[in-house]
Structure formats: C-alpha cells, structure tokens
C-alpha cells in the first residue's frame, strides 16, 4: 500500500477512534463512498473490479471483487491485495463510437 495513502487512512481511523491494522484499513475502503468501478475480469462466481472510493477527501483505488453467485468472499478464499491500494486522480477520456444512421420509414 502506498505510504501516503496508508498515512491518510491511519489518520482517518485514529480520528474516529478505530484500529489501524490492515484489516481495518481495508474495511474502511470497502465501506467508503464509491466513485467509480470497472470490471477487469470475470469468473464463474465473481468479477474482478478496480474500485475507486473517497475517504476524507482523498480518492483511493484498489482491486476488489463482486460476487455474482451464492458464495461469499471467504467461501471463494478471495483476499484484498494491499499492494493494489493507491491514490488516484480523475481524468477525462473522450471516445468515438458508431451507431446506425436513422432513416425515415415509408408510411
């Protein structure tokens, strides 16, 4: 985990009177206000995600999972990857796309 992000999360947890161990920091991230998510892979029972949340003014991204079946994260032995936690910034991307030309229909 990026040291700047870790220090920010620890300061946030301390201000709330919470613990500062890695499990608590990941719990804070998993319950924070979601700003963005992108599916990066799909499996039978879950999708891999890159998720961005906001914690006390900082946008933080990390790898997460979305369960698509009846199993839980622990059933699937899925754990957070602390090395994926990083500060992110919003960027704008312009894309081109194509759609069918609408034609008038004969009456």
C-alpha atoms as a PDB file:
ATOM      1  CA  UNK A   1       0.000   0.000   0.000  1.00  0.00           C
ATOM      2  CA  UNK A   2       1.277   3.446  -0.906  1.00  0.00           C
ATOM      3  CA  UNK A   3       2.695   5.121   2.245  1.00  0.00           C
ATOM      4  CA  UNK A   4       0.835   8.404   1.599  1.00  0.00           C
ATOM      5  CA  UNK A   5      -2.487   6.553   1.333  1.00  0.00           C
ATOM      6  CA  UNK A   6      -1.706   4.419   4.392  1.00  0.00           C
ATOM      7  CA  UNK A   7      -0.886   7.511   6.476  1.00  0.00           C
ATOM      8  CA  UNK A   8      -4.126   9.157   5.313  1.00  0.00           C
ATOM      9  CA  UNK A   9      -6.197   6.097   6.222  1.00  0.00           C
ATOM     10  CA  UNK A  10      -4.485   5.732   9.608  1.00  0.00           C
ATOM     11  CA  UNK A  11      -5.130   9.393  10.435  1.00  0.00           C
ATOM     12  CA  UNK A  12      -8.784   8.965   9.405  1.00  0.00           C
ATOM     13  CA  UNK A  13      -9.183   5.841  11.554  1.00  0.00           C
ATOM     14  CA  UNK A  14      -7.500   7.480  14.537  1.00  0.00           C
ATOM     15  CA  UNK A  15      -9.839  10.477  14.258  1.00  0.00           C
ATOM     16  CA  UNK A  16     -12.775   8.040  14.554  1.00  0.00           C
ATOM     17  CA  UNK A  17     -11.216   6.044  17.414  1.00  0.00           C
ATOM     18  CA  UNK A  18     -10.876   2.935  15.254  1.00  0.00           C
ATOM     19  CA  UNK A  19      -7.981   0.497  14.939  1.00  0.00           C
ATOM     20  CA  UNK A  20      -5.275   1.000  12.343  1.00  0.00           C
ATOM     21  CA  UNK A  21      -4.378  -2.574  11.366  1.00  0.00           C
ATOM     22  CA  UNK A  22      -4.502  -3.585   7.693  1.00  0.00           C
ATOM     23  CA  UNK A  23      -7.856  -5.373   8.070  1.00  0.00           C
ATOM     24  CA  UNK A  24      -9.470  -2.223   9.481  1.00  0.00           C
ATOM     25  CA  UNK A  25      -7.957  -0.060   6.739  1.00  0.00           C
ATOM     26  CA  UNK A  26      -9.378  -2.396   4.080  1.00  0.00           C
ATOM     27  CA  UNK A  27     -12.753  -2.394   5.831  1.00  0.00           C
ATOM     28  CA  UNK A  28     -12.771   1.410   5.685  1.00  0.00           C
ATOM     29  CA  UNK A  29     -12.045   1.233   1.949  1.00  0.00           C
ATOM     30  CA  UNK A  30     -14.678  -1.418   1.291  1.00  0.00           C
ATOM     31  CA  UNK A  31     -17.365   0.652   3.049  1.00  0.00           C
ATOM     32  CA  UNK A  32     -16.360   4.096   1.735  1.00  0.00           C
ATOM     33  CA  UNK A  33     -18.362   6.112  -0.799  1.00  0.00           C
ATOM     34  CA  UNK A  34     -17.818   4.554  -4.219  1.00  0.00           C
ATOM     35  CA  UNK A  35     -16.827   6.950  -7.008  1.00  0.00           C
ATOM     36  CA  UNK A  36     -16.037   4.504  -9.806  1.00  0.00           C
ATOM     37  CA  UNK A  37     -15.782   0.817 -10.629  1.00  0.00           C
ATOM     38  CA  UNK A  38     -14.526  -1.066 -13.641  1.00  0.00           C
ATOM     39  CA  UNK A  39     -14.815  -4.790 -14.216  1.00  0.00           C
ATOM     40  CA  UNK A  40     -11.351  -6.081 -15.067  1.00  0.00           C
ATOM     41  CA  UNK A  41     -12.135  -9.798 -15.273  1.00  0.00           C
ATOM     42  CA  UNK A  42     -14.953 -12.296 -14.878  1.00  0.00           C
ATOM     43  CA  UNK A  43     -15.060 -15.734 -13.330  1.00  0.00           C
ATOM     44  CA  UNK A  44     -17.894 -18.174 -12.710  1.00  0.00           C
ATOM     45  CA  UNK A  45     -18.844 -16.839  -9.263  1.00  0.00           C
ATOM     46  CA  UNK A  46     -17.270 -13.379  -9.131  1.00  0.00           C
ATOM     47  CA  UNK A  47     -15.975 -10.435 -11.118  1.00  0.00           C
ATOM     48  CA  UNK A  48     -12.635  -8.722 -10.578  1.00  0.00           C
ATOM     49  CA  UNK A  49     -13.003  -4.967 -10.138  1.00  0.00           C
ATOM     50  CA  UNK A  50     -10.875  -1.877  -9.907  1.00  0.00           C
ATOM     51  CA  UNK A  51     -12.792   0.301  -7.483  1.00  0.00           C
ATOM     52  CA  UNK A  52     -12.280   3.958  -6.530  1.00  0.00           C
ATOM     53  CA  UNK A  53     -13.648   5.316  -3.265  1.00  0.00           C
ATOM     54  CA  UNK A  54     -13.423   8.633  -1.425  1.00  0.00           C
ATOM     55  CA  UNK A  55     -12.115   8.701   2.131  1.00  0.00           C
ATOM     56  CA  UNK A  56     -11.965  12.084   3.835  1.00  0.00           C
ATOM     57  CA  UNK A  57     -11.269  13.953   0.585  1.00  0.00           C
ATOM     58  CA  UNK A  58      -8.799  11.503  -0.968  1.00  0.00           C
ATOM     59  CA  UNK A  59      -9.668   9.320  -3.982  1.00  0.00           C
ATOM     60  CA  UNK A  60      -8.261   5.843  -3.391  1.00  0.00           C
ATOM     61  CA  UNK A  61      -8.271   2.944  -5.848  1.00  0.00           C
ATOM     62  CA  UNK A  62      -7.882  -0.764  -5.148  1.00  0.00           C
ATOM     63  CA  UNK A  63      -8.641  -4.197  -6.575  1.00  0.00           C
ATOM     64  CA  UNK A  64     -11.926  -5.620  -5.324  1.00  0.00           C
ATOM     65  CA  UNK A  65     -14.386  -8.408  -6.096  1.00  0.00           C
ATOM     66  CA  UNK A  66     -18.100  -8.523  -6.870  1.00  0.00           C
ATOM     67  CA  UNK A  67     -19.752 -11.820  -6.001  1.00  0.00           C
ATOM     68  CA  UNK A  68     -22.117 -12.966  -8.778  1.00  0.00           C
ATOM     69  CA  UNK A  69     -23.118 -16.288  -7.223  1.00  0.00           C
ATOM     70  CA  UNK A  70     -24.298 -17.519  -3.846  1.00  0.00           C
ATOM     71  CA  UNK A  71     -20.812 -17.878  -2.404  1.00  0.00           C
ATOM     72  CA  UNK A  72     -19.184 -15.292  -0.170  1.00  0.00           C
ATOM     73  CA  UNK A  73     -15.712 -13.804  -0.474  1.00  0.00           C
ATOM     74  CA  UNK A  74     -14.454 -16.131   2.286  1.00  0.00           C
ATOM     75  CA  UNK A  75     -16.031 -19.188   0.584  1.00  0.00           C
ATOM     76  CA  UNK A  76     -14.009 -18.357  -2.509  1.00  0.00           C
ATOM     77  CA  UNK A  77     -10.845 -17.644  -0.459  1.00  0.00           C
ATOM     78  CA  UNK A  78     -10.610 -14.152  -2.006  1.00  0.00           C
ATOM     79  CA  UNK A  79      -8.459 -11.636  -0.151  1.00  0.00           C
ATOM     80  CA  UNK A  80      -7.667  -7.991  -0.768  1.00  0.00           C
ATOM     81  CA  UNK A  81      -4.328  -7.243  -2.380  1.00  0.00           C
ATOM     82  CA  UNK A  82      -2.862  -4.444  -0.247  1.00  0.00           C
ATOM     83  CA  UNK A  83      -0.296  -3.660  -2.943  1.00  0.00           C
ATOM     84  CA  UNK A  84      -3.152  -2.593  -5.254  1.00  0.00           C
ATOM     85  CA  UNK A  85      -4.196   0.288  -2.954  1.00  0.00           C
ATOM     86  CA  UNK A  86      -3.156   3.624  -4.453  1.00  0.00           C
ATOM     87  CA  UNK A  87      -4.100   7.266  -4.696  1.00  0.00           C
ATOM     88  CA  UNK A  88      -5.926   8.089  -7.916  1.00  0.00           C
ATOM     89  CA  UNK A  89      -6.938  11.237  -9.725  1.00  0.00           C
ATOM     90  CA  UNK A  90      -9.853  11.842 -12.022  1.00  0.00           C
ATOM     91  CA  UNK A  91      -9.038  12.064 -15.719  1.00  0.00           C
ATOM     92  CA  UNK A  92     -11.371  12.685 -18.619  1.00  0.00           C
ATOM     93  CA  UNK A  93     -11.358  10.408 -21.645  1.00  0.00           C
ATOM     94  CA  UNK A  94     -13.078  11.106 -24.955  1.00  0.00           C
ATOM     95  CA  UNK A  95     -14.156   8.153 -27.054  1.00  0.00           C
ATOM     96  CA  UNK A  96     -15.555   7.766 -30.546  1.00  0.00           C
ATOM     97  CA  UNK A  97     -18.386   5.376 -31.180  1.00  0.00           C
ATOM     98  CA  UNK A  98     -20.627   4.434 -34.066  1.00  0.00           C
ATOM     99  CA  UNK A  99     -24.371   3.997 -34.227  1.00  0.00           C
ATOM    100  CA  UNK A 100     -26.783   3.174 -37.047  1.00  0.00           C
ATOM    101  CA  UNK A 101     -27.998   6.050 -39.194  1.00  0.00           C
ATOM    102  CA  UNK A 102     -31.706   6.610 -38.622  1.00  0.00           C
ATOM    103  CA  UNK A 103     -33.689   6.567 -41.824  1.00  0.00           C
ATOM    104  CA  UNK A 104     -37.273   7.629 -42.363  1.00  0.00           C
ATOM    105  CA  UNK A 105     -39.684   4.756 -42.713  1.00  0.00           C
ATOM    106  CA  UNK A 106     -42.204   4.713 -45.581  1.00  0.00           C
ATOM    107  CA  UNK A 107     -45.778   5.214 -44.445  1.00  0.00           C
END
